[in-house]
Amino acid sequence: MSPSNEPDLSERIAVFRHGLISRLLPDDLSADERRKEMRRIVEAEHIIPGTTRTHIAEGTLRDWMRAWRAGGFNALKPKPRIDDGSTRRLEPVVAERLLELKEADPHRSIRECIELVRREPIVTDTMCLSHSTVHRLFQRHELTRSNIERSDRGVDRRRFAFREAGQLWMSDVMHGPSVIGDSDARRRRKTYLIAFLDDATRVIPHAEFTFSESTKNFLPVMKQALLRRGLPERLYVDNGANYRSHHLSLVCAKLGIALIHAKPRSPQGKGKIERFFRTVRAQLIARLVPEDTTSLEALNRRLGAWVEGEYHRRPHRGLEGDTPLDRWSATAANVRYPDPDVGIDEMFLFEAKRKVQSDRTVSLDGRLYEVDASLIGEKVSLRFDPARPEGTVTVLHEGKRIEQARRVDPYANCFVKRHPHNGTPQTDEAPQDPPTGLAMRDLGSLSGNTTHDEHDDSDKDVAGGER
């Protein structure tokens, strides 16, 4: 994420606060379990946006919980005066990127991580990135070499299962088959299966093959899962970059979902969804026919038919012989669904920062859009749905909605009147359709009609006695 796309500090603070108190909010926690969880939070070190402090007091946690219950997500935002604008040794966006690099390859040295992150625009020339600072960062997140080597020694791992639908969802990504790409019928592209699984019932709220496992592909799949099966209390995900995005944390915070990340190098907690992926490979992927991989849409149609028609209706060994749908029907009474007034569509829109060029255009995903001429040279925000490439693109300037961007029409631009001195456009009216050309097949008939008319006129002249 570039500095221009970095979210507002108050929003980052609110997301951080919700991430902590969401571990204390579920109603199924006993008083003793809640006390133990609060003690773990208080004793742990945290990277807190906007400050160099690393610990949270128990009273502060209780204040945040009261604020959440009284006013929801916005009540967790600090007052403006809390952020005094002082500099920090390690910016949160840089710390997040360093953690991503280390988690992607735990054997990567600190020096290599620093060199890689310095090549990115999030690091300025004056920013301090010392070896000791990064080492302390990795220590706090248990990513040093000694932490990794002893991570699996003496760990108490126990089988767990929630009782009610919606108490816990987990999500992960599986590498899928290759399909014919959209642009070139001769070239095949690799796919990724993004899936959500309800822990208590093994129901799949939604699963979909995409061409990438990025946040831009993950969030539309998550949106469909929420619309189909309601809002989970907890969402358990991997520690990859797409699961640590600010956008995902913000969506979960606004919807009251506790976002839980698996510890690095600890795949044991995802056993249920890994078993689902094994079932997909054995019962779906192995039975695909060539017609199923002619396009991404064809592959997803086949997946949807299999999930709803076979997987959900087959007795599951982990459910004591019940089918996932039977278990869902028996335990889903308390599942909450998105409130229509929440504006869930707006919540999942992506935002990109762009500078309006001198020809009043902005570029988004390889497409040119035209905006109001008064915005030339200004920085604007474009809000769009990544699942609908041809959908509406809304233009915002200084936080205010201005208009909907228009796809560039080169022909229409030929007829835009401009001021004779400063060259600014004078009208946005679309021209009439261009005149159609004269077809060669009509040339002879046109010539014949003219000749015939001339003969008729000549006859009239003679009849009138003028010749």
Protein backbone atom coordinates (compact mmCIF):
# COMPACT_ATOMS: atom_id res chain seq x y z
CA MET A 1 0.00 0.00 0.00
CA SER A 2 1.45 3.36 -0.99
CA PRO A 3 1.41 6.37 1.33
CA SER A 4 -1.37 7.97 -0.76
CA ASN A 5 -3.55 4.93 -0.10
CA GLU A 6 -2.73 4.71 3.62
CA PRO A 7 -5.92 4.80 5.67
CA ASP A 8 -6.75 7.56 8.13
CA LEU A 9 -4.93 7.26 11.49
CA SER A 10 -8.14 7.43 13.54
CA GLU A 11 -9.59 4.60 11.47
CA ARG A 12 -6.46 2.49 11.98
CA ILE A 13 -6.67 3.08 15.74
CA ALA A 14 -10.34 2.05 15.80
CA VAL A 15 -9.58 -1.14 13.85
CA PHE A 16 -6.74 -1.96 16.28
CA ARG A 17 -8.96 -1.41 19.32
CA HIS A 18 -11.74 -3.56 17.89
CA GLY A 19 -9.23 -6.30 17.12
CA LEU A 20 -8.43 -6.54 20.83
CA ILE A 21 -11.87 -6.21 22.39
CA SER A 22 -13.45 -8.56 19.83
CA ARG A 23 -11.67 -11.36 21.72
CA LEU A 24 -13.63 -10.38 24.84
CA LEU A 25 -17.08 -9.68 23.38
CA PRO A 26 -18.53 -13.12 22.39
CA ASP A 27 -21.45 -14.05 24.63
CA ASP A 28 -20.39 -17.71 24.84
CA LEU A 29 -17.28 -16.81 26.87
CA SER A 30 -17.53 -17.59 30.56
CA ALA A 31 -16.43 -14.98 33.10
CA ASP A 32 -13.28 -16.99 33.83
CA GLU A 33 -12.41 -17.34 30.14
CA ARG A 34 -12.93 -13.61 29.62
CA ARG A 35 -10.63 -12.77 32.56
CA LYS A 36 -7.91 -15.07 31.21
CA GLU A 37 -8.19 -13.57 27.73
CA MET A 38 -8.00 -10.04 29.13
CA ARG A 39 -4.90 -10.98 31.11
CA ARG A 40 -3.26 -12.32 27.93
CA ILE A 41 -4.00 -9.05 26.13
CA VAL A 42 -2.68 -6.93 28.99
CA GLU A 43 0.55 -8.91 29.33
CA ALA A 44 1.29 -9.03 25.59
CA GLU A 45 3.17 -6.36 23.62
CA HIS A 46 1.31 -4.66 20.77
CA ILE A 47 2.11 -2.38 17.86
CA ILE A 48 -0.33 0.45 18.59
CA PRO A 49 -1.04 2.92 15.75
CA GLY A 50 -0.18 6.51 16.61
CA THR A 51 2.04 5.83 19.62
CA THR A 52 5.26 4.12 20.65
CA ARG A 53 3.59 2.44 23.63
CA THR A 54 3.35 -1.33 23.47
CA HIS A 55 1.03 -2.28 26.38
CA ILE A 56 -2.68 -1.80 27.08
CA ALA A 57 -4.14 -1.39 30.57
CA GLU A 58 -7.10 -3.48 31.71
CA GLY A 59 -9.13 -0.35 32.46
CA THR A 60 -8.49 0.92 28.93
CA LEU A 61 -9.83 -2.32 27.48
CA ARG A 62 -13.00 -1.99 29.57
CA ASP A 63 -13.42 1.62 28.40
CA TRP A 64 -13.18 0.49 24.77
CA MET A 65 -15.73 -2.29 25.37
CA ARG A 66 -18.19 0.22 26.85
CA ALA A 67 -17.61 2.59 23.94
CA TRP A 68 -18.22 -0.23 21.43
CA ARG A 69 -21.49 -1.27 23.08
CA ALA A 70 -22.67 2.34 23.22
CA GLY A 71 -21.70 3.57 19.76
CA GLY A 72 -20.26 0.77 17.66
CA PHE A 73 -17.18 1.14 15.46
CA ASN A 74 -17.14 4.95 15.26
CA ALA A 75 -17.08 5.20 19.06
CA LEU A 76 -13.66 3.50 19.03
CA LYS A 77 -12.11 6.34 17.03
CA PRO A 78 -10.04 8.72 19.17
CA LYS A 79 -10.62 12.42 19.39
CA PRO A 80 -8.47 14.43 16.93
CA ARG A 81 -6.25 15.84 19.67
CA ILE A 82 -4.99 12.34 20.58
CA ASP A 83 -2.77 12.29 17.48
CA ASP A 84 -0.28 15.10 18.09
CA GLY A 85 1.47 14.47 14.78
CA SER A 86 4.74 13.37 16.37
CA THR A 87 6.98 11.13 14.32
CA ARG A 88 7.47 7.45 15.09
CA ARG A 89 10.60 5.41 14.58
CA LEU A 90 8.78 2.71 12.64
CA GLU A 91 5.62 3.59 10.74
CA PRO A 92 2.82 1.01 11.14
CA VAL A 93 2.55 0.48 7.37
CA VAL A 94 6.30 -0.27 7.24
CA ALA A 95 6.07 -2.60 10.24
CA GLU A 96 3.21 -4.50 8.57
CA ARG A 97 5.21 -4.89 5.36
CA LEU A 98 8.27 -6.16 7.26
CA LEU A 99 6.11 -8.74 9.03
CA GLU A 100 4.61 -9.85 5.71
CA LEU A 101 8.07 -10.38 4.21
CA LYS A 102 9.26 -12.34 7.23
CA GLU A 103 6.14 -14.51 7.40
CA ALA A 104 6.32 -15.28 3.68
CA ASP A 105 9.83 -16.70 4.20
CA PRO A 106 10.66 -17.25 7.92
CA HIS A 107 14.30 -18.00 7.05
CA ARG A 108 14.78 -14.58 5.44
CA SER A 109 17.31 -12.56 7.45
CA ILE A 110 16.60 -9.15 8.97
CA ARG A 111 19.08 -7.55 6.55
CA GLU A 112 17.23 -9.08 3.58
CA CYS A 113 13.86 -7.87 4.89
CA ILE A 114 15.19 -4.31 5.30
CA GLU A 115 16.69 -4.32 1.80
CA LEU A 116 13.43 -5.54 0.26
CA VAL A 117 11.21 -3.03 2.04
CA ARG A 118 13.57 -0.12 1.18
CA ARG A 119 12.84 -0.75 -2.51
CA GLU A 120 9.17 0.07 -1.97
CA PRO A 121 7.63 3.58 -1.99
CA ILE A 122 6.35 3.29 1.59
CA VAL A 123 9.90 3.97 2.87
CA THR A 124 11.33 7.49 2.59
CA ASP A 125 15.02 8.34 2.42
CA THR A 126 14.98 9.80 5.95
CA MET A 127 13.18 6.89 7.61
CA CYS A 128 15.23 4.96 10.17
CA LEU A 129 15.28 1.19 9.64
CA SER A 130 17.93 -0.08 12.01
CA HIS A 131 18.72 -3.75 12.51
CA SER A 132 17.87 -3.56 16.24
CA THR A 133 14.47 -1.92 15.62
CA VAL A 134 13.41 -4.59 13.14
CA HIS A 135 14.77 -7.32 15.42
CA ARG A 136 12.57 -6.06 18.29
CA LEU A 137 9.59 -5.98 15.93
CA PHE A 138 10.15 -9.63 14.94
CA GLN A 139 10.66 -10.58 18.59
CA ARG A 140 7.30 -9.11 19.59
CA HIS A 141 5.60 -11.20 16.89
CA GLU A 142 7.63 -14.36 17.63
CA LEU A 143 9.25 -14.35 14.21
CA THR A 144 12.88 -14.59 15.21
CA ARG A 145 14.75 -17.77 14.33
CA SER A 146 14.75 -19.05 17.91
CA ASN A 147 10.98 -18.46 18.19
CA ILE A 148 10.33 -20.38 14.97
CA GLU A 149 12.53 -23.34 15.98
CA ARG A 150 10.77 -23.85 19.30
CA SER A 151 7.24 -22.94 18.13
CA ASP A 152 6.15 -26.56 17.95
CA ARG A 153 7.84 -27.81 21.13
CA GLY A 154 5.50 -28.75 23.94
CA VAL A 155 2.50 -26.96 22.45
CA ASP A 156 -0.83 -28.11 23.89
CA ARG A 157 -3.04 -28.66 20.83
CA ARG A 158 -6.57 -29.88 21.43
CA ARG A 159 -9.45 -30.73 19.13
CA PHE A 160 -12.11 -28.04 19.20
CA ALA A 161 -15.61 -27.67 17.75
CA PHE A 162 -18.20 -24.95 18.22
CA ARG A 163 -21.80 -25.93 18.85
CA GLU A 164 -23.80 -23.22 17.08
CA ALA A 165 -23.76 -22.13 13.45
CA GLY A 166 -22.06 -18.79 12.99
CA GLN A 167 -19.89 -18.92 16.10
CA LEU A 168 -16.73 -19.44 14.02
CA TRP A 169 -15.96 -19.37 10.32
CA MET A 170 -12.58 -20.20 8.87
CA SER A 171 -11.23 -19.28 5.46
CA ASP A 172 -8.29 -20.39 3.37
CA VAL A 173 -7.11 -20.69 -0.24
CA MET A 174 -6.39 -23.80 -2.32
CA HIS A 175 -4.53 -23.94 -5.63
CA GLY A 176 -7.00 -24.97 -8.32
CA PRO A 177 -6.91 -26.22 -11.92
CA SER A 178 -5.96 -24.04 -14.87
CA VAL A 179 -8.68 -22.71 -17.14
CA ILE A 180 -8.81 -20.83 -20.41
CA GLY A 181 -8.19 -17.13 -19.77
CA ASP A 182 -10.55 -14.37 -20.80
CA SER A 183 -8.28 -12.54 -23.24
CA ASP A 184 -6.48 -15.40 -25.02
CA ALA A 185 -8.29 -18.66 -25.79
CA ARG A 186 -4.95 -20.42 -26.33
CA ARG A 187 -3.52 -19.51 -22.93
CA ARG A 188 -4.57 -21.22 -19.72
CA ARG A 189 -4.42 -19.47 -16.35
CA LYS A 190 -4.01 -20.89 -12.88
CA THR A 191 -6.94 -20.59 -10.47
CA TYR A 192 -7.26 -20.31 -6.70
CA LEU A 193 -10.20 -21.58 -4.65
CA ILE A 194 -11.20 -19.14 -1.89
CA ALA A 195 -13.53 -20.86 0.56
CA PHE A 196 -15.34 -20.13 3.83
CA LEU A 197 -16.37 -22.94 6.19
CA ASP A 198 -18.65 -22.82 9.24
CA ASP A 199 -16.92 -24.74 12.04
CA ALA A 200 -20.00 -26.12 13.83
CA THR A 201 -21.88 -27.36 10.75
CA ARG A 202 -19.21 -27.76 8.03
CA VAL A 203 -21.49 -25.72 5.75
CA ILE A 204 -19.68 -23.75 3.05
CA PRO A 205 -21.17 -20.20 3.19
CA HIS A 206 -19.51 -19.51 -0.15
CA ALA A 207 -16.57 -20.71 -2.23
CA GLU A 208 -15.32 -19.42 -5.55
CA PHE A 209 -12.43 -19.93 -7.96
CA THR A 210 -10.53 -16.74 -8.87
CA PHE A 211 -7.40 -15.87 -10.82
CA SER A 212 -5.65 -14.49 -7.73
CA GLU A 213 -5.71 -14.83 -3.94
CA SER A 214 -5.34 -11.07 -3.40
CA THR A 215 -7.58 -8.95 -1.20
CA LYS A 216 -9.33 -7.64 -4.30
CA ASN A 217 -10.53 -11.19 -5.04
CA PHE A 218 -10.97 -12.33 -1.44
CA LEU A 219 -13.38 -9.63 -0.27
CA PRO A 220 -16.06 -10.15 -2.99
CA VAL A 221 -16.14 -13.86 -2.07
CA MET A 222 -16.50 -12.92 1.59
CA LYS A 223 -19.34 -10.53 0.75
CA GLN A 224 -21.29 -13.31 -0.96
CA ALA A 225 -20.70 -15.60 2.03
CA LEU A 226 -22.11 -12.99 4.43
CA LEU A 227 -25.17 -12.36 2.26
CA ARG A 228 -25.89 -16.09 1.99
CA ARG A 229 -25.22 -17.33 5.54
CA GLY A 230 -25.19 -14.28 7.81
CA LEU A 231 -22.49 -12.73 9.98
CA PRO A 232 -20.13 -14.97 11.98
CA GLU A 233 -19.02 -14.02 15.46
CA ARG A 234 -15.41 -14.93 14.63
CA LEU A 235 -13.46 -15.29 11.40
CA TYR A 236 -10.30 -17.44 11.61
CA VAL A 237 -7.85 -16.83 8.77
CA ASP A 238 -4.26 -17.38 7.77
CA ASN A 239 -1.51 -14.83 8.33
CA GLY A 240 -0.93 -13.96 4.67
CA ALA A 241 -0.91 -10.44 3.26
CA ASN A 242 -4.45 -10.65 1.87
CA TYR A 243 -5.77 -11.57 5.34
CA ARG A 244 -3.90 -8.74 7.07
CA SER A 245 -5.17 -5.96 4.82
CA HIS A 246 -6.62 -2.87 6.44
CA HIS A 247 -9.77 -3.19 4.31
CA LEU A 248 -10.56 -6.66 5.70
CA SER A 249 -9.94 -5.50 9.29
CA LEU A 250 -12.18 -2.48 8.72
CA VAL A 251 -15.05 -4.56 7.30
CA CYS A 252 -14.87 -7.00 10.22
CA ALA A 253 -14.76 -4.17 12.75
CA LYS A 254 -17.80 -2.42 11.29
CA LEU A 255 -19.79 -5.66 11.15
CA GLY A 256 -18.77 -6.77 14.66
CA ILE A 257 -16.78 -9.81 13.51
CA ALA A 258 -13.74 -10.83 15.56
CA LEU A 259 -10.88 -11.33 13.08
CA ILE A 260 -8.47 -14.00 14.33
CA HIS A 261 -5.16 -14.72 12.59
CA ALA A 262 -3.44 -18.08 12.86
CA LYS A 263 0.01 -18.02 14.38
CA PRO A 264 2.84 -18.25 11.83
CA ARG A 265 3.83 -21.80 10.94
CA SER A 266 0.83 -23.25 12.79
CA PRO A 267 -1.42 -24.94 10.21
CA GLN A 268 -2.98 -27.28 12.78
CA GLY A 269 -5.84 -24.86 13.55
CA LYS A 270 -7.10 -25.07 9.96
CA GLY A 271 -7.61 -28.82 9.89
CA LYS A 272 -11.33 -28.71 9.04
CA ILE A 273 -10.97 -26.52 5.97
CA GLU A 274 -7.92 -28.48 4.85
CA ARG A 275 -10.06 -31.62 4.98
CA PHE A 276 -12.68 -29.83 2.89
CA PHE A 277 -10.00 -29.03 0.30
CA ARG A 278 -8.99 -32.70 0.20
CA THR A 279 -12.64 -33.56 -0.49
CA VAL A 280 -12.71 -30.96 -3.28
CA ARG A 281 -9.66 -32.50 -4.92
CA ALA A 282 -10.97 -36.06 -4.64
CA GLN A 283 -14.64 -35.54 -5.47
CA LEU A 284 -14.65 -32.45 -7.72
CA ILE A 285 -11.28 -31.72 -9.31
CA ALA A 286 -10.67 -35.38 -10.17
CA ARG A 287 -14.01 -35.57 -12.01
CA LEU A 288 -13.78 -32.40 -14.08
CA VAL A 289 -14.36 -32.73 -17.82
CA PRO A 290 -12.82 -30.41 -20.46
CA GLU A 291 -16.02 -28.36 -20.67
CA ASP A 292 -15.66 -27.45 -16.98
CA THR A 293 -12.37 -25.62 -17.60
CA THR A 294 -13.34 -23.63 -20.68
CA SER A 295 -13.68 -20.52 -18.50
CA LEU A 296 -13.65 -19.35 -14.90
CA GLU A 297 -17.45 -19.03 -15.01
CA ALA A 298 -17.84 -22.64 -16.16
CA LEU A 299 -15.58 -23.87 -13.35
CA ASN A 300 -17.53 -21.92 -10.72
CA ARG A 301 -20.85 -23.23 -12.03
CA ARG A 302 -19.53 -26.76 -11.60
CA LEU A 303 -18.26 -25.92 -8.09
CA GLY A 304 -21.59 -24.41 -7.02
CA ALA A 305 -23.55 -27.39 -8.27
CA TRP A 306 -21.26 -29.79 -6.41
CA VAL A 307 -21.32 -27.88 -3.10
CA GLU A 308 -25.09 -27.43 -2.98
CA GLY A 309 -26.08 -30.68 -4.66
CA GLU A 310 -23.59 -33.14 -3.18
CA TYR A 311 -21.33 -31.88 -0.39
CA HIS A 312 -24.05 -30.18 1.70
CA ARG A 313 -26.39 -33.18 1.38
CA ARG A 314 -23.96 -36.01 2.12
CA PRO A 315 -23.63 -37.35 5.72
CA HIS A 316 -20.45 -36.02 7.31
CA ARG A 317 -18.28 -38.22 9.51
CA GLY A 318 -17.33 -35.27 11.74
CA LEU A 319 -21.03 -34.49 12.36
CA GLU A 320 -21.95 -37.92 13.71
CA GLY A 321 -23.64 -38.83 10.45
CA ASP A 322 -25.62 -35.61 9.97
CA THR A 323 -25.38 -33.70 6.72
CA PRO A 324 -24.03 -30.12 6.87
CA LEU A 325 -27.47 -28.76 5.92
CA ASP A 326 -29.18 -30.78 8.66
CA ARG A 327 -26.74 -29.50 11.28
CA TRP A 328 -27.15 -25.93 10.01
CA SER A 329 -30.95 -26.14 10.24
CA ALA A 330 -30.69 -27.41 13.82
CA THR A 331 -28.23 -24.78 15.11
CA ALA A 332 -28.66 -21.63 13.01
CA ALA A 333 -31.49 -19.97 14.98
CA ASN A 334 -29.19 -17.28 16.40
CA VAL A 335 -27.29 -16.44 13.22
CA ARG A 336 -27.54 -12.71 12.58
CA TYR A 337 -27.84 -11.33 9.07
CA PRO A 338 -26.65 -7.97 7.72
CA ASP A 339 -28.97 -5.08 8.49
CA PRO A 340 -30.28 -3.54 5.23
CA ASP A 341 -29.47 -0.09 6.66
CA VAL A 342 -25.79 -0.95 7.16
CA GLY A 343 -24.95 -0.47 3.47
CA ILE A 344 -22.92 -3.64 3.01
CA ASP A 345 -22.41 -2.96 -0.71
CA GLU A 346 -20.75 0.36 0.08
CA MET A 347 -18.63 -1.28 2.78
CA PHE A 348 -16.99 -3.67 0.32
CA LEU A 349 -16.14 -1.07 -2.32
CA PHE A 350 -12.43 -0.59 -2.97
CA GLU A 351 -10.84 2.84 -3.04
CA ALA A 352 -7.91 4.02 -5.18
CA LYS A 353 -6.15 7.40 -5.18
CA ARG A 354 -5.47 9.02 -8.55
CA LYS A 355 -4.31 12.38 -9.88
CA VAL A 356 -6.47 13.84 -12.65
CA GLN A 357 -4.39 14.37 -15.81
CA SER A 358 -4.46 17.48 -18.00
CA ASP A 359 -6.87 15.74 -20.38
CA ARG A 360 -9.25 15.29 -17.38
CA THR A 361 -8.76 11.50 -17.32
CA VAL A 362 -7.82 8.97 -14.66
CA SER A 363 -6.72 5.39 -15.15
CA LEU A 364 -8.13 2.42 -13.21
CA ASP A 365 -7.21 -1.20 -13.93
CA GLY A 366 -6.18 -0.35 -17.49
CA ARG A 367 -9.35 1.63 -18.27
CA LEU A 368 -9.51 5.38 -18.86
CA TYR A 369 -12.25 7.40 -17.18
CA GLU A 370 -13.22 11.03 -17.64
CA VAL A 371 -14.06 13.34 -14.73
CA ASP A 372 -15.14 16.95 -14.35
CA ALA A 373 -12.70 19.44 -15.86
CA SER A 374 -12.53 21.41 -12.61
CA LEU A 375 -10.63 18.49 -11.06
CA ILE A 376 -7.65 18.69 -13.46
CA GLY A 377 -4.43 18.46 -11.41
CA GLU A 378 -6.30 17.44 -8.24
CA LYS A 379 -6.00 14.15 -6.34
CA VAL A 380 -9.27 12.22 -6.22
CA SER A 381 -10.49 8.95 -4.73
CA LEU A 382 -12.17 6.37 -6.96
CA ARG A 383 -14.58 3.94 -5.32
CA PHE A 384 -15.41 0.79 -7.26
CA ASP A 385 -16.49 -2.84 -6.98
CA PRO A 386 -13.60 -5.13 -8.03
CA ALA A 387 -16.09 -7.92 -8.78
CA ARG A 388 -17.73 -5.74 -11.48
CA PRO A 389 -15.01 -4.33 -13.76
CA GLU A 390 -17.59 -2.55 -15.92
CA GLY A 391 -19.54 -1.23 -12.93
CA THR A 392 -19.94 2.27 -11.57
CA VAL A 393 -16.85 4.26 -10.52
CA THR A 394 -17.63 7.04 -8.03
CA VAL A 395 -15.35 10.09 -7.79
CA LEU A 396 -14.67 11.69 -4.39
CA HIS A 397 -12.65 14.83 -3.72
CA GLU A 398 -11.65 15.90 -0.21
CA GLY A 399 -14.06 13.31 1.20
CA LYS A 400 -17.10 14.55 -0.75
CA ARG A 401 -18.86 12.65 -3.52
CA ILE A 402 -18.51 14.58 -6.77
CA GLU A 403 -19.87 12.43 -9.61
CA GLN A 404 -19.68 9.11 -11.39
CA ALA A 405 -16.69 8.77 -13.70
CA ARG A 406 -17.42 8.16 -17.39
CA ARG A 407 -15.53 5.84 -19.70
CA VAL A 408 -13.54 7.87 -22.21
CA ASP A 409 -15.28 8.25 -25.60
CA PRO A 410 -12.64 9.52 -28.09
CA TYR A 411 -15.24 10.34 -30.77
CA ALA A 412 -17.38 12.40 -28.38
CA ASN A 413 -14.30 14.36 -27.33
CA CYS A 414 -13.83 15.58 -30.92
CA PHE A 415 -16.94 17.74 -30.50
CA VAL A 416 -16.27 19.27 -27.08
CA LYS A 417 -16.10 23.05 -27.43
CA ARG A 418 -13.20 24.70 -25.65
CA HIS A 419 -12.51 28.21 -24.47
CA PRO A 420 -10.43 30.06 -27.12
CA HIS A 421 -7.90 31.31 -24.55
CA ASN A 422 -7.45 28.76 -21.77
CA GLY A 423 -8.66 25.65 -23.61
CA THR A 424 -11.08 24.55 -20.87
CA PRO A 425 -14.05 22.45 -22.03
CA GLN A 426 -17.29 24.42 -22.46
CA THR A 427 -19.83 21.60 -22.64
CA ASP A 428 -20.18 17.94 -21.90
CA GLU A 429 -23.09 17.39 -24.31
CA ALA A 430 -22.75 14.24 -26.36
CA PRO A 431 -22.79 14.77 -30.18
CA GLN A 432 -25.28 13.19 -32.47
CA ASP A 433 -24.42 9.89 -34.09
CA PRO A 434 -21.87 10.30 -36.93
CA PRO A 435 -23.38 10.33 -40.47
CA THR A 436 -23.44 6.98 -42.16
CA GLY A 437 -21.41 6.57 -45.35
CA LEU A 438 -22.88 5.96 -48.79
CA ALA A 439 -22.81 2.29 -49.73
CA MET A 440 -21.47 1.39 -53.19
CA ARG A 441 -24.59 -0.67 -53.89
CA ASP A 442 -26.69 2.50 -53.60
CA LEU A 443 -24.57 4.56 -55.99
CA GLY A 444 -26.06 3.11 -59.17
CA SER A 445 -29.65 3.47 -58.02
CA LEU A 446 -29.01 7.04 -56.93
CA SER A 447 -27.52 7.88 -60.33
CA GLY A 448 -30.46 6.21 -62.09
CA ASN A 449 -33.01 8.14 -60.06
CA THR A 450 -31.34 11.42 -60.93
CA THR A 451 -31.36 10.61 -64.64
CA HIS A 452 -34.99 9.55 -64.48
CA ASP A 453 -35.99 12.78 -62.75
CA GLU A 454 -34.15 14.83 -65.35
CA HIS A 455 -36.05 13.02 -68.16
CA ASP A 456 -39.34 13.65 -66.37
CA ASP A 457 -38.56 17.36 -66.14
CA SER A 458 -37.65 17.45 -69.81
CA ASP A 459 -40.98 15.87 -70.79
CA LYS A 460 -42.84 18.41 -68.72
CA ASP A 461 -40.98 21.23 -70.42
CA VAL A 462 -41.98 19.93 -73.85
CA ALA A 463 -45.61 19.41 -72.76
CA GLY A 464 -45.75 22.94 -71.43
CA GLY A 465 -44.71 24.34 -74.77
CA GLU A 466 -41.53 26.01 -73.47
CA ARG A 467 -39.28 24.25 -75.93
